[in-house]
Amino acid sequence: MYHDHDALDAEIHAYIARCEALEPAQPPAGAEAQRAQYRRLCRAFAAPRPPGLAVADHGLDLGDRRIAVRIYRPPSSAPSFCLVFFHGGGWVVGDLDTHDSVVAELAVKAGVVAVAVDYRLAPEHPYPAAVDDGWAVIDWLGRDGAGHGLPAGRLAVAGDSAGGTIAAALALKARDRGHPPLAGQVLVYPALGHDFSLPSYVERAEAPVLTSADMRAYWQAYCGPPPSSDPYAVPLSASSYNGLCPSFIVACEHDPLRDDAIAYAARLGDAGVPVQLRREPGLIHGFLRARHMSRIAMESFDAIAGAVRAFACP
């Protein structure tokens, strides 16, 4: 049992118990089986899309590949603003459907058009495939989005867990290349480094939903040995954070990735980047799925939506 089990409230305990009940007796072997299991897990917590939301799937044709995106348009949304969202799943699992209800609700609560990206997954497509796909989408939106009826102008990137890694990488890349201009980045319990000596990787090694051993396996699938020092793969290895876009970062106390988020926020602050770090003392990795089961999870989700709304309407 997780050693800080008693520090979690009853609603989070109920969420953990439901997750555990959905786990198979034997862990699935192979990426496709893991993806199927993750889809079942996410489907169990999915909420109906908010009423009035228009949703459309679109394919970005790059010649050698096609990137699927899903576009969410609330009944009223901030003009000239688009949020680009990258799902979590350790770069190995997850897709447009696993995070559909999260992005749908986020778009409506924040009052923005959102574009979810179905990036290529490891281990079949290791780094830099996911970042390349993300870059193709934000470059397309920055240059040609208006021609497809999407808001022309300001973009922000967001992601949870491994999706937060991709969002942070794209913020670095957009700064380095000078385009597209990003209004902000929203990183929810992101994986930003692979320093397993950090206290959270030790103290929260057996935390619910995600363990330190899980993260070792995910990094191996994503980057392979030896550990990458490429900042677009591992954002905490960047040599400079000067000039990055304003940032909103969520760190959960009961999460091996906690100290990644805290360290990244500190480095952004030291570089003069406007950054808000929201520390969640009672939450665990993956709490976005628990938002309709847990009051504190919904409070954090509402804060995330508020951060997006602030980026859209500064």
C-alpha atoms as a PDB file:
ATOM      1  CA  MET A   1       0.000   0.000   0.000  1.00  0.00           C
ATOM      2  CA  TYR A   2       1.094   3.570  -0.730  1.00  0.00           C
ATOM      3  CA  HIS A   3       2.707   4.854   2.476  1.00  0.00           C
ATOM      4  CA  ASP A   4       0.747   8.146   2.496  1.00  0.00           C
ATOM      5  CA  HIS A   5      -2.569   6.398   1.917  1.00  0.00           C
ATOM      6  CA  ASP A   6      -4.202   8.163   4.894  1.00  0.00           C
ATOM      7  CA  ALA A   7      -3.303  11.611   3.528  1.00  0.00           C
ATOM      8  CA  LEU A   8      -5.802  11.228   0.666  1.00  0.00           C
ATOM      9  CA  ASP A   9      -9.445  12.133   1.116  1.00  0.00           C
ATOM     10  CA  ALA A  10     -12.400   9.791   0.709  1.00  0.00           C
ATOM     11  CA  GLU A  11     -13.298  10.965  -2.801  1.00  0.00           C
ATOM     12  CA  ILE A  12      -9.773  10.375  -4.104  1.00  0.00           C
ATOM     13  CA  HIS A  13      -9.749   7.000  -2.369  1.00  0.00           C
ATOM     14  CA  ALA A  14     -12.953   6.148  -4.228  1.00  0.00           C
ATOM     15  CA  TYR A  15     -11.360   7.203  -7.511  1.00  0.00           C
ATOM     16  CA  ILE A  16      -8.273   5.057  -6.844  1.00  0.00           C
ATOM     17  CA  ALA A  17     -10.434   2.083  -5.929  1.00  0.00           C
ATOM     18  CA  ARG A  18     -12.393   2.431  -9.155  1.00  0.00           C
ATOM     19  CA  CYS A  19      -9.171   2.619 -11.180  1.00  0.00           C
ATOM     20  CA  GLU A  20      -7.848  -0.493  -9.441  1.00  0.00           C
ATOM     21  CA  ALA A  21     -11.105  -2.354 -10.092  1.00  0.00           C
ATOM     22  CA  LEU A  22     -10.673  -1.662 -13.798  1.00  0.00           C
ATOM     23  CA  GLU A  23      -7.158  -3.084 -13.889  1.00  0.00           C
ATOM     24  CA  PRO A  24      -6.798  -6.558 -15.385  1.00  0.00           C
ATOM     25  CA  ALA A  25      -5.485  -9.411 -13.254  1.00  0.00           C
ATOM     26  CA  GLN A  26      -2.344  -9.473 -15.390  1.00  0.00           C
ATOM     27  CA  PRO A  27      -0.813  -6.259 -16.781  1.00  0.00           C
ATOM     28  CA  PRO A  28      -1.333  -6.148 -20.549  1.00  0.00           C
ATOM     29  CA  ALA A  29       1.718  -7.059 -22.608  1.00  0.00           C
ATOM     30  CA  GLY A  30       2.573  -4.975 -25.630  1.00  0.00           C
ATOM     31  CA  ALA A  31       1.712  -1.432 -26.623  1.00  0.00           C
ATOM     32  CA  GLU A  32      -1.568  -2.223 -28.377  1.00  0.00           C
ATOM     33  CA  ALA A  33      -2.938  -4.119 -25.399  1.00  0.00           C
ATOM     34  CA  GLN A  34      -1.856  -1.299 -23.081  1.00  0.00           C
ATOM     35  CA  ARG A  35      -3.627   1.205 -25.307  1.00  0.00           C
ATOM     36  CA  ALA A  36      -6.826  -0.808 -25.274  1.00  0.00           C
ATOM     37  CA  GLN A  37      -6.720  -1.021 -21.478  1.00  0.00           C
ATOM     38  CA  TYR A  38      -6.084   2.718 -21.161  1.00  0.00           C
ATOM     39  CA  ARG A  39      -9.044   3.442 -23.444  1.00  0.00           C
ATOM     40  CA  ARG A  40     -11.250   1.296 -21.208  1.00  0.00           C
ATOM     41  CA  LEU A  41     -10.011   3.146 -18.134  1.00  0.00           C
ATOM     42  CA  CYS A  42     -10.606   6.585 -19.603  1.00  0.00           C
ATOM     43  CA  ARG A  43     -14.005   5.590 -20.999  1.00  0.00           C
ATOM     44  CA  ALA A  44     -15.136   4.630 -17.489  1.00  0.00           C
ATOM     45  CA  PHE A  45     -14.623   8.207 -16.295  1.00  0.00           C
ATOM     46  CA  ALA A  46     -15.732  10.071 -19.420  1.00  0.00           C
ATOM     47  CA  ALA A  47     -18.438  12.714 -18.978  1.00  0.00           C
ATOM     48  CA  PRO A  48     -20.899  13.774 -21.691  1.00  0.00           C
ATOM     49  CA  ARG A  49     -19.771  16.696 -23.805  1.00  0.00           C
ATOM     50  CA  PRO A  50     -21.263  20.015 -22.673  1.00  0.00           C
ATOM     51  CA  PRO A  51     -24.359  21.061 -24.631  1.00  0.00           C
ATOM     52  CA  GLY A  52     -23.929  23.450 -27.533  1.00  0.00           C
ATOM     53  CA  LEU A  53     -20.340  22.407 -28.231  1.00  0.00           C
ATOM     54  CA  ALA A  54     -19.507  21.830 -31.897  1.00  0.00           C
ATOM     55  CA  VAL A  55     -16.906  19.099 -32.450  1.00  0.00           C
ATOM     56  CA  ALA A  56     -15.264  18.187 -35.753  1.00  0.00           C
ATOM     57  CA  ASP A  57     -12.397  15.886 -36.719  1.00  0.00           C
ATOM     58  CA  HIS A  58      -9.842  17.085 -39.236  1.00  0.00           C
ATOM     59  CA  GLY A  59      -6.722  15.594 -40.803  1.00  0.00           C
ATOM     60  CA  LEU A  60      -3.560  17.578 -41.402  1.00  0.00           C
ATOM     61  CA  ASP A  61      -1.941  16.034 -44.492  1.00  0.00           C
ATOM     62  CA  LEU A  62       1.856  16.344 -44.453  1.00  0.00           C
ATOM     63  CA  GLY A  63       2.539  14.109 -47.418  1.00  0.00           C
ATOM     64  CA  ASP A  64       4.440  11.402 -45.527  1.00  0.00           C
ATOM     65  CA  ARG A  65       1.830  11.211 -42.769  1.00  0.00           C
ATOM     66  CA  ARG A  66      -1.554  12.514 -41.693  1.00  0.00           C
ATOM     67  CA  ILE A  67      -2.117  13.976 -38.232  1.00  0.00           C
ATOM     68  CA  ALA A  68      -5.626  13.730 -36.857  1.00  0.00           C
ATOM     69  CA  VAL A  69      -6.897  16.661 -34.806  1.00  0.00           C
ATOM     70  CA  ARG A  70     -10.221  17.246 -33.104  1.00  0.00           C
ATOM     71  CA  ILE A  71     -11.591  20.783 -32.988  1.00  0.00           C
ATOM     72  CA  TYR A  72     -13.920  21.945 -30.200  1.00  0.00           C
ATOM     73  CA  ARG A  73     -15.928  25.146 -30.645  1.00  0.00           C
ATOM     74  CA  PRO A  74     -17.980  26.401 -27.687  1.00  0.00           C
ATOM     75  CA  PRO A  75     -21.156  28.405 -28.363  1.00  0.00           C
ATOM     76  CA  SER A  76     -19.153  31.549 -27.641  1.00  0.00           C
ATOM     77  CA  SER A  77     -15.392  31.690 -27.562  1.00  0.00           C
ATOM     78  CA  ALA A  78     -12.603  34.219 -27.277  1.00  0.00           C
ATOM     79  CA  PRO A  79     -11.843  35.735 -30.677  1.00  0.00           C
ATOM     80  CA  SER A  80      -8.455  35.109 -32.246  1.00  0.00           C
ATOM     81  CA  PHE A  81      -7.402  32.480 -29.726  1.00  0.00           C
ATOM     82  CA  CYS A  82      -6.861  28.734 -29.924  1.00  0.00           C
ATOM     83  CA  LEU A  83      -5.743  26.249 -27.268  1.00  0.00           C
ATOM     84  CA  VAL A  84      -3.756  23.275 -28.599  1.00  0.00           C
ATOM     85  CA  PHE A  85      -4.010  20.275 -26.269  1.00  0.00           C
ATOM     86  CA  PHE A  86      -1.754  17.200 -26.024  1.00  0.00           C
ATOM     87  CA  HIS A  87      -3.029  14.143 -24.161  1.00  0.00           C
ATOM     88  CA  GLY A  88      -1.111  12.216 -21.542  1.00  0.00           C
ATOM     89  CA  GLY A  89      -0.315   8.507 -21.497  1.00  0.00           C
ATOM     90  CA  GLY A  90       3.439   8.161 -21.148  1.00  0.00           C
ATOM     91  CA  TRP A  91       3.935   8.871 -24.882  1.00  0.00           C
ATOM     92  CA  VAL A  92       2.797   5.249 -25.356  1.00  0.00           C
ATOM     93  CA  VAL A  93      -0.982   5.230 -24.796  1.00  0.00           C
ATOM     94  CA  GLY A  94      -3.823   7.704 -25.250  1.00  0.00           C
ATOM     95  CA  ASP A  95      -5.591   9.258 -28.208  1.00  0.00           C
ATOM     96  CA  LEU A  96      -8.278  11.771 -29.135  1.00  0.00           C
ATOM     97  CA  ASP A  97     -10.995   9.683 -27.485  1.00  0.00           C
ATOM     98  CA  THR A  98      -9.252   9.064 -24.155  1.00  0.00           C
ATOM     99  CA  HIS A  99      -9.182  12.803 -23.429  1.00  0.00           C
ATOM    100  CA  ASP A 100     -12.252  13.869 -25.374  1.00  0.00           C
ATOM    101  CA  SER A 101     -14.390  14.776 -22.375  1.00  0.00           C
ATOM    102  CA  VAL A 102     -11.491  16.620 -20.704  1.00  0.00           C
ATOM    103  CA  VAL A 103     -10.807  18.823 -23.736  1.00  0.00           C
ATOM    104  CA  ALA A 104     -14.517  19.360 -24.435  1.00  0.00           C
ATOM    105  CA  GLU A 105     -15.169  20.570 -20.918  1.00  0.00           C
ATOM    106  CA  LEU A 106     -11.995  22.647 -20.840  1.00  0.00           C
ATOM    107  CA  ALA A 107     -12.954  24.418 -24.069  1.00  0.00           C
ATOM    108  CA  VAL A 108     -16.371  25.363 -22.701  1.00  0.00           C
ATOM    109  CA  LYS A 109     -15.194  26.380 -19.232  1.00  0.00           C
ATOM    110  CA  ALA A 110     -12.357  28.479 -20.639  1.00  0.00           C
ATOM    111  CA  GLY A 111     -14.462  29.836 -23.493  1.00  0.00           C
ATOM    112  CA  VAL A 112     -11.923  29.033 -26.204  1.00  0.00           C
ATOM    113  CA  VAL A 113     -11.614  26.982 -29.357  1.00  0.00           C
ATOM    114  CA  ALA A 114      -9.511  23.915 -28.535  1.00  0.00           C
ATOM    115  CA  VAL A 115      -7.613  21.635 -30.893  1.00  0.00           C
ATOM    116  CA  ALA A 116      -6.608  18.191 -29.591  1.00  0.00           C
ATOM    117  CA  VAL A 117      -3.709  16.477 -31.364  1.00  0.00           C
ATOM    118  CA  ASP A 118      -3.438  12.742 -32.070  1.00  0.00           C
ATOM    119  CA  TYR A 119       0.359  12.615 -32.165  1.00  0.00           C
ATOM    120  CA  ARG A 120       2.323   9.464 -32.996  1.00  0.00           C
ATOM    121  CA  LEU A 121       3.087   7.152 -30.095  1.00  0.00           C
ATOM    122  CA  ALA A 122       6.157   5.326 -28.846  1.00  0.00           C
ATOM    123  CA  PRO A 123       7.706   2.793 -28.976  1.00  0.00           C
ATOM    124  CA  GLU A 124       6.820   2.500 -32.660  1.00  0.00           C
ATOM    125  CA  HIS A 125       7.459   6.223 -33.069  1.00  0.00           C
ATOM    126  CA  PRO A 126       9.968   7.383 -30.438  1.00  0.00           C
ATOM    127  CA  TYR A 127      11.123  10.954 -29.918  1.00  0.00           C
ATOM    128  CA  PRO A 128      11.052  13.254 -31.859  1.00  0.00           C
ATOM    129  CA  ALA A 129       7.896  11.974 -33.598  1.00  0.00           C
ATOM    130  CA  ALA A 130       5.415  13.377 -31.051  1.00  0.00           C
ATOM    131  CA  VAL A 131       7.138  16.768 -30.926  1.00  0.00           C
ATOM    132  CA  ASP A 132       7.393  16.883 -34.722  1.00  0.00           C
ATOM    133  CA  ASP A 133       3.659  16.219 -34.990  1.00  0.00           C
ATOM    134  CA  GLY A 134       2.886  18.866 -32.392  1.00  0.00           C
ATOM    135  CA  TRP A 135       5.089  21.365 -34.166  1.00  0.00           C
ATOM    136  CA  ALA A 136       3.389  20.658 -37.492  1.00  0.00           C
ATOM    137  CA  VAL A 137       0.010  21.408 -35.914  1.00  0.00           C
ATOM    138  CA  ILE A 138       0.926  24.662 -34.169  1.00  0.00           C
ATOM    139  CA  ASP A 139       2.863  25.812 -37.250  1.00  0.00           C
ATOM    140  CA  TRP A 140      -0.210  25.062 -39.379  1.00  0.00           C
ATOM    141  CA  LEU A 141      -2.497  26.910 -36.987  1.00  0.00           C
ATOM    142  CA  GLY A 142      -0.153  29.876 -36.774  1.00  0.00           C
ATOM    143  CA  ARG A 143       0.157  30.159 -40.542  1.00  0.00           C
ATOM    144  CA  ASP A 144      -3.048  28.752 -42.053  1.00  0.00           C
ATOM    145  CA  GLY A 145      -5.587  28.300 -39.285  1.00  0.00           C
ATOM    146  CA  ALA A 146      -7.736  31.188 -40.461  1.00  0.00           C
ATOM    147  CA  GLY A 147      -8.145  29.536 -43.849  1.00  0.00           C
ATOM    148  CA  HIS A 148      -9.782  26.606 -42.084  1.00  0.00           C
ATOM    149  CA  GLY A 149     -12.144  28.714 -40.023  1.00  0.00           C
ATOM    150  CA  LEU A 150      -9.973  28.575 -36.908  1.00  0.00           C
ATOM    151  CA  PRO A 151      -9.041  31.594 -34.837  1.00  0.00           C
ATOM    152  CA  ALA A 152      -6.186  33.495 -36.456  1.00  0.00           C
ATOM    153  CA  GLY A 153      -3.771  35.042 -34.040  1.00  0.00           C
ATOM    154  CA  ARG A 154      -2.885  33.889 -30.549  1.00  0.00           C
ATOM    155  CA  LEU A 155      -2.184  30.293 -29.553  1.00  0.00           C
ATOM    156  CA  ALA A 156      -1.527  28.566 -26.260  1.00  0.00           C
ATOM    157  CA  VAL A 157      -0.352  25.004 -25.692  1.00  0.00           C
ATOM    158  CA  ALA A 158      -1.471  22.651 -22.956  1.00  0.00           C
ATOM    159  CA  GLY A 159      -1.081  19.044 -21.941  1.00  0.00           C
ATOM    160  CA  ASP A 160      -1.286  16.623 -19.065  1.00  0.00           C
ATOM    161  CA  SER A 161       1.548  14.299 -18.038  1.00  0.00           C
ATOM    162  CA  ALA A 162       3.411  13.242 -21.224  1.00  0.00           C
ATOM    163  CA  GLY A 163       1.293  15.773 -23.097  1.00  0.00           C
ATOM    164  CA  GLY A 164       2.748  18.403 -20.791  1.00  0.00           C
ATOM    165  CA  THR A 165       6.222  17.342 -21.909  1.00  0.00           C
ATOM    166  CA  ILE A 166       5.218  17.917 -25.526  1.00  0.00           C
ATOM    167  CA  ALA A 167       3.587  21.269 -24.763  1.00  0.00           C
ATOM    168  CA  ALA A 168       6.706  22.447 -22.898  1.00  0.00           C
ATOM    169  CA  ALA A 169       8.937  21.282 -25.765  1.00  0.00           C
ATOM    170  CA  LEU A 170       6.845  23.218 -28.260  1.00  0.00           C
ATOM    171  CA  ALA A 171       7.004  26.355 -26.133  1.00  0.00           C
ATOM    172  CA  LEU A 172      10.808  26.078 -26.195  1.00  0.00           C
ATOM    173  CA  LYS A 173      10.850  25.423 -29.932  1.00  0.00           C
ATOM    174  CA  ALA A 174       8.489  28.314 -30.703  1.00  0.00           C
ATOM    175  CA  ARG A 175      10.746  30.634 -28.716  1.00  0.00           C
ATOM    176  CA  ASP A 176      13.854  29.363 -30.482  1.00  0.00           C
ATOM    177  CA  ARG A 177      12.338  29.740 -33.951  1.00  0.00           C
ATOM    178  CA  GLY A 178      10.537  32.995 -33.261  1.00  0.00           C
ATOM    179  CA  HIS A 179       7.138  31.660 -34.298  1.00  0.00           C
ATOM    180  CA  PRO A 180       4.324  31.066 -33.765  1.00  0.00           C
ATOM    181  CA  PRO A 181       3.870  33.499 -30.887  1.00  0.00           C
ATOM    182  CA  LEU A 182       2.418  31.657 -27.902  1.00  0.00           C
ATOM    183  CA  ALA A 183       0.185  33.336 -25.359  1.00  0.00           C
ATOM    184  CA  GLY A 184       0.937  30.709 -22.732  1.00  0.00           C
ATOM    185  CA  GLN A 185       1.571  27.115 -21.767  1.00  0.00           C
ATOM    186  CA  VAL A 186      -0.485  25.037 -19.328  1.00  0.00           C
ATOM    187  CA  LEU A 187       1.313  21.984 -17.941  1.00  0.00           C
ATOM    188  CA  VAL A 188      -0.701  19.602 -15.760  1.00  0.00           C
ATOM    189  CA  TYR A 189       1.417  17.147 -13.723  1.00  0.00           C
ATOM    190  CA  PRO A 190       4.013  17.195 -16.527  1.00  0.00           C
ATOM    191  CA  ALA A 191       6.997  14.890 -17.038  1.00  0.00           C
ATOM    192  CA  LEU A 192       9.874  17.283 -17.649  1.00  0.00           C
ATOM    193  CA  GLY A 193      13.022  15.424 -16.624  1.00  0.00           C
ATOM    194  CA  HIS A 194      14.347  11.987 -15.773  1.00  0.00           C
ATOM    195  CA  ASP A 195      16.295  12.653 -12.586  1.00  0.00           C
ATOM    196  CA  PHE A 196      15.033   9.760 -10.482  1.00  0.00           C
ATOM    197  CA  SER A 197      17.006  10.964  -7.478  1.00  0.00           C
ATOM    198  CA  LEU A 198      14.569  13.851  -6.941  1.00  0.00           C
ATOM    199  CA  PRO A 199      12.658  13.464  -3.653  1.00  0.00           C
ATOM    200  CA  SER A 200       9.279  12.930  -5.282  1.00  0.00           C
ATOM    201  CA  TYR A 201      10.550   9.979  -7.324  1.00  0.00           C
ATOM    202  CA  VAL A 202      11.761   8.388  -4.079  1.00  0.00           C
ATOM    203  CA  GLU A 203       8.998   9.460  -1.658  1.00  0.00           C
ATOM    204  CA  ARG A 204       6.179   8.810  -4.150  1.00  0.00           C
ATOM    205  CA  ALA A 205       7.754   5.819  -5.890  1.00  0.00           C
ATOM    206  CA  GLU A 206       4.637   3.697  -5.247  1.00  0.00           C
ATOM    207  CA  ALA A 207       2.039   6.427  -5.568  1.00  0.00           C
ATOM    208  CA  PRO A 208      -1.404   5.498  -6.913  1.00  0.00           C
ATOM    209  CA  VAL A 209      -2.005   5.468 -10.688  1.00  0.00           C
ATOM    210  CA  LEU A 210       1.649   6.230 -11.604  1.00  0.00           C
ATOM    211  CA  THR A 211       4.832   4.834 -10.052  1.00  0.00           C
ATOM    212  CA  SER A 212       8.465   5.739 -10.527  1.00  0.00           C
ATOM    213  CA  ALA A 213       8.988   2.367 -12.225  1.00  0.00           C
ATOM    214  CA  ASP A 214       6.230   3.275 -14.690  1.00  0.00           C
ATOM    215  CA  MET A 215       8.062   6.491 -15.536  1.00  0.00           C
ATOM    216  CA  ARG A 216      11.356   4.677 -16.104  1.00  0.00           C
ATOM    217  CA  ALA A 217       9.603   2.410 -18.604  1.00  0.00           C
ATOM    218  CA  TYR A 218       7.867   5.321 -20.331  1.00  0.00           C
ATOM    219  CA  TRP A 219      11.097   7.310 -20.713  1.00  0.00           C
ATOM    220  CA  GLN A 220      12.786   4.191 -22.097  1.00  0.00           C
ATOM    221  CA  ALA A 221      10.037   3.796 -24.684  1.00  0.00           C
ATOM    222  CA  TYR A 222      10.078   7.481 -25.589  1.00  0.00           C
ATOM    223  CA  CYS A 223      13.804   8.247 -25.744  1.00  0.00           C
ATOM    224  CA  GLY A 224      15.632   4.971 -25.204  1.00  0.00           C
ATOM    225  CA  PRO A 225      19.072   4.719 -23.523  1.00  0.00           C
ATOM    226  CA  PRO A 226      21.064   6.694 -22.727  1.00  0.00           C
ATOM    227  CA  PRO A 227      18.865   9.433 -21.235  1.00  0.00           C
ATOM    228  CA  SER A 228      18.424  12.256 -23.711  1.00  0.00           C
ATOM    229  CA  SER A 229      19.785  15.729 -23.023  1.00  0.00           C
ATOM    230  CA  ASP A 230      17.850  17.272 -25.921  1.00  0.00           C
ATOM    231  CA  PRO A 231      15.690  20.025 -24.356  1.00  0.00           C
ATOM    232  CA  TYR A 232      12.842  19.298 -26.771  1.00  0.00           C
ATOM    233  CA  ALA A 233      12.777  15.768 -25.357  1.00  0.00           C
ATOM    234  CA  VAL A 234      13.603  16.683 -21.763  1.00  0.00           C
ATOM    235  CA  PRO A 235      12.603  20.313 -21.091  1.00  0.00           C
ATOM    236  CA  LEU A 236      14.438  20.425 -17.751  1.00  0.00           C
ATOM    237  CA  SER A 237      17.709  20.030 -19.675  1.00  0.00           C
ATOM    238  CA  ALA A 238      17.330  23.356 -21.523  1.00  0.00           C
ATOM    239  CA  SER A 239      20.242  25.752 -21.127  1.00  0.00           C
ATOM    240  CA  SER A 240      18.023  28.830 -21.011  1.00  0.00           C
ATOM    241  CA  TYR A 241      14.400  29.626 -20.239  1.00  0.00           C
ATOM    242  CA  ASN A 242      14.604  33.293 -21.116  1.00  0.00           C
ATOM    243  CA  GLY A 243      11.820  34.583 -23.314  1.00  0.00           C
ATOM    244  CA  LEU A 244       9.413  31.700 -22.792  1.00  0.00           C
ATOM    245  CA  CYS A 245       5.690  32.373 -22.778  1.00  0.00           C
ATOM    246  CA  PRO A 246       3.717  32.860 -19.540  1.00  0.00           C
ATOM    247  CA  SER A 247       3.106  29.554 -17.818  1.00  0.00           C
ATOM    248  CA  PHE A 248       0.630  27.818 -15.531  1.00  0.00           C
ATOM    249  CA  ILE A 249       1.867  24.576 -13.968  1.00  0.00           C
ATOM    250  CA  VAL A 250       0.103  22.052 -11.732  1.00  0.00           C
ATOM    251  CA  ALA A 251       2.098  19.864  -9.333  1.00  0.00           C
ATOM    252  CA  CYS A 252       0.440  17.103  -7.292  1.00  0.00           C
ATOM    253  CA  GLU A 253       1.828  16.182  -3.894  1.00  0.00           C
ATOM    254  CA  HIS A 254       1.216  12.439  -4.335  1.00  0.00           C
ATOM    255  CA  ASP A 255       2.906  12.079  -7.709  1.00  0.00           C
ATOM    256  CA  PRO A 256       6.430  10.988  -8.682  1.00  0.00           C
ATOM    257  CA  LEU A 257       6.427  13.875 -11.192  1.00  0.00           C
ATOM    258  CA  ARG A 258       5.776  16.508  -8.530  1.00  0.00           C
ATOM    259  CA  ASP A 259       9.338  17.796  -8.364  1.00  0.00           C
ATOM    260  CA  ASP A 260       9.659  18.025 -12.158  1.00  0.00           C
ATOM    261  CA  ALA A 261       6.873  20.607 -12.126  1.00  0.00           C
ATOM    262  CA  ILE A 262       8.278  22.464  -9.135  1.00  0.00           C
ATOM    263  CA  ALA A 263      11.798  22.593 -10.578  1.00  0.00           C
ATOM    264  CA  TYR A 264      10.545  23.795 -13.953  1.00  0.00           C
ATOM    265  CA  ALA A 265       8.442  26.542 -12.411  1.00  0.00           C
ATOM    266  CA  ALA A 266      11.461  27.690 -10.393  1.00  0.00           C
ATOM    267  CA  ARG A 267      13.672  27.855 -13.481  1.00  0.00           C
ATOM    268  CA  LEU A 268      11.055  29.815 -15.392  1.00  0.00           C
ATOM    269  CA  GLY A 269      10.717  32.241 -12.502  1.00  0.00           C
ATOM    270  CA  ASP A 270      14.484  32.673 -12.249  1.00  0.00           C
ATOM    271  CA  ALA A 271      14.494  33.541 -15.968  1.00  0.00           C
ATOM    272  CA  GLY A 272      11.868  36.230 -15.479  1.00  0.00           C
ATOM    273  CA  VAL A 273       9.064  34.258 -17.125  1.00  0.00           C
ATOM    274  CA  PRO A 274       5.616  34.937 -15.641  1.00  0.00           C
ATOM    275  CA  VAL A 275       4.715  31.624 -14.023  1.00  0.00           C
ATOM    276  CA  GLN A 276       2.027  30.394 -11.672  1.00  0.00           C
ATOM    277  CA  LEU A 277       2.659  27.116  -9.876  1.00  0.00           C
ATOM    278  CA  ARG A 278      -0.429  25.502  -8.392  1.00  0.00           C
ATOM    279  CA  ARG A 279       0.509  22.895  -5.812  1.00  0.00           C
ATOM    280  CA  GLU A 280      -2.174  20.326  -5.024  1.00  0.00           C
ATOM    281  CA  PRO A 281      -1.511  18.787  -1.584  1.00  0.00           C
ATOM    282  CA  GLY A 282      -4.328  16.247  -1.809  1.00  0.00           C
ATOM    283  CA  LEU A 283      -4.176  15.170  -5.436  1.00  0.00           C
ATOM    284  CA  ILE A 284      -2.552  12.374  -7.405  1.00  0.00           C
ATOM    285  CA  HIS A 285      -1.377  11.911 -10.954  1.00  0.00           C
ATOM    286  CA  GLY A 286      -4.247  11.594 -13.421  1.00  0.00           C
ATOM    287  CA  PHE A 287      -6.743  13.544 -11.327  1.00  0.00           C
ATOM    288  CA  LEU A 288      -8.309  15.128 -14.425  1.00  0.00           C
ATOM    289  CA  ARG A 289     -10.301  11.907 -14.825  1.00  0.00           C
ATOM    290  CA  ALA A 290     -11.506  12.252 -11.218  1.00  0.00           C
ATOM    291  CA  ARG A 291     -12.944  15.744 -11.582  1.00  0.00           C
ATOM    292  CA  HIS A 292     -16.560  14.528 -11.455  1.00  0.00           C
ATOM    293  CA  MET A 293     -15.840  12.293  -8.454  1.00  0.00           C
ATOM    294  CA  SER A 294     -13.707  14.651  -6.377  1.00  0.00           C
ATOM    295  CA  ARG A 295     -14.410  18.200  -5.256  1.00  0.00           C
ATOM    296  CA  ILE A 296     -10.720  19.092  -5.017  1.00  0.00           C
ATOM    297  CA  ALA A 297     -10.035  17.648  -8.464  1.00  0.00           C
ATOM    298  CA  MET A 298     -12.808  19.791  -9.938  1.00  0.00           C
ATOM    299  CA  GLU A 299     -11.472  22.865  -8.132  1.00  0.00           C
ATOM    300  CA  SER A 300      -8.103  22.307  -9.773  1.00  0.00           C
ATOM    301  CA  PHE A 301      -9.730  21.713 -13.155  1.00  0.00           C
ATOM    302  CA  ASP A 302     -11.604  24.994 -12.782  1.00  0.00           C
ATOM    303  CA  ALA A 303      -8.307  26.751 -11.989  1.00  0.00           C
ATOM    304  CA  ILE A 304      -6.780  25.270 -15.154  1.00  0.00           C
ATOM    305  CA  ALA A 305      -9.718  26.572 -17.191  1.00  0.00           C
ATOM    306  CA  GLY A 306      -9.279  29.961 -15.537  1.00  0.00           C
ATOM    307  CA  ALA A 307      -5.619  30.050 -16.529  1.00  0.00           C
ATOM    308  CA  VAL A 308      -6.515  29.291 -20.143  1.00  0.00           C
ATOM    309  CA  ARG A 309      -9.192  31.982 -20.069  1.00  0.00           C
ATOM    310  CA  ALA A 310      -6.648  34.481 -18.732  1.00  0.00           C
ATOM    311  CA  PHE A 311      -4.247  33.666 -21.561  1.00  0.00           C
ATOM    312  CA  ALA A 312      -7.054  34.157 -24.066  1.00  0.00           C
ATOM    313  CA  CYS A 313      -8.276  37.453 -22.653  1.00  0.00           C
ATOM    314  CA  PRO A 314      -5.323  39.111 -20.899  1.00  0.00           C
END
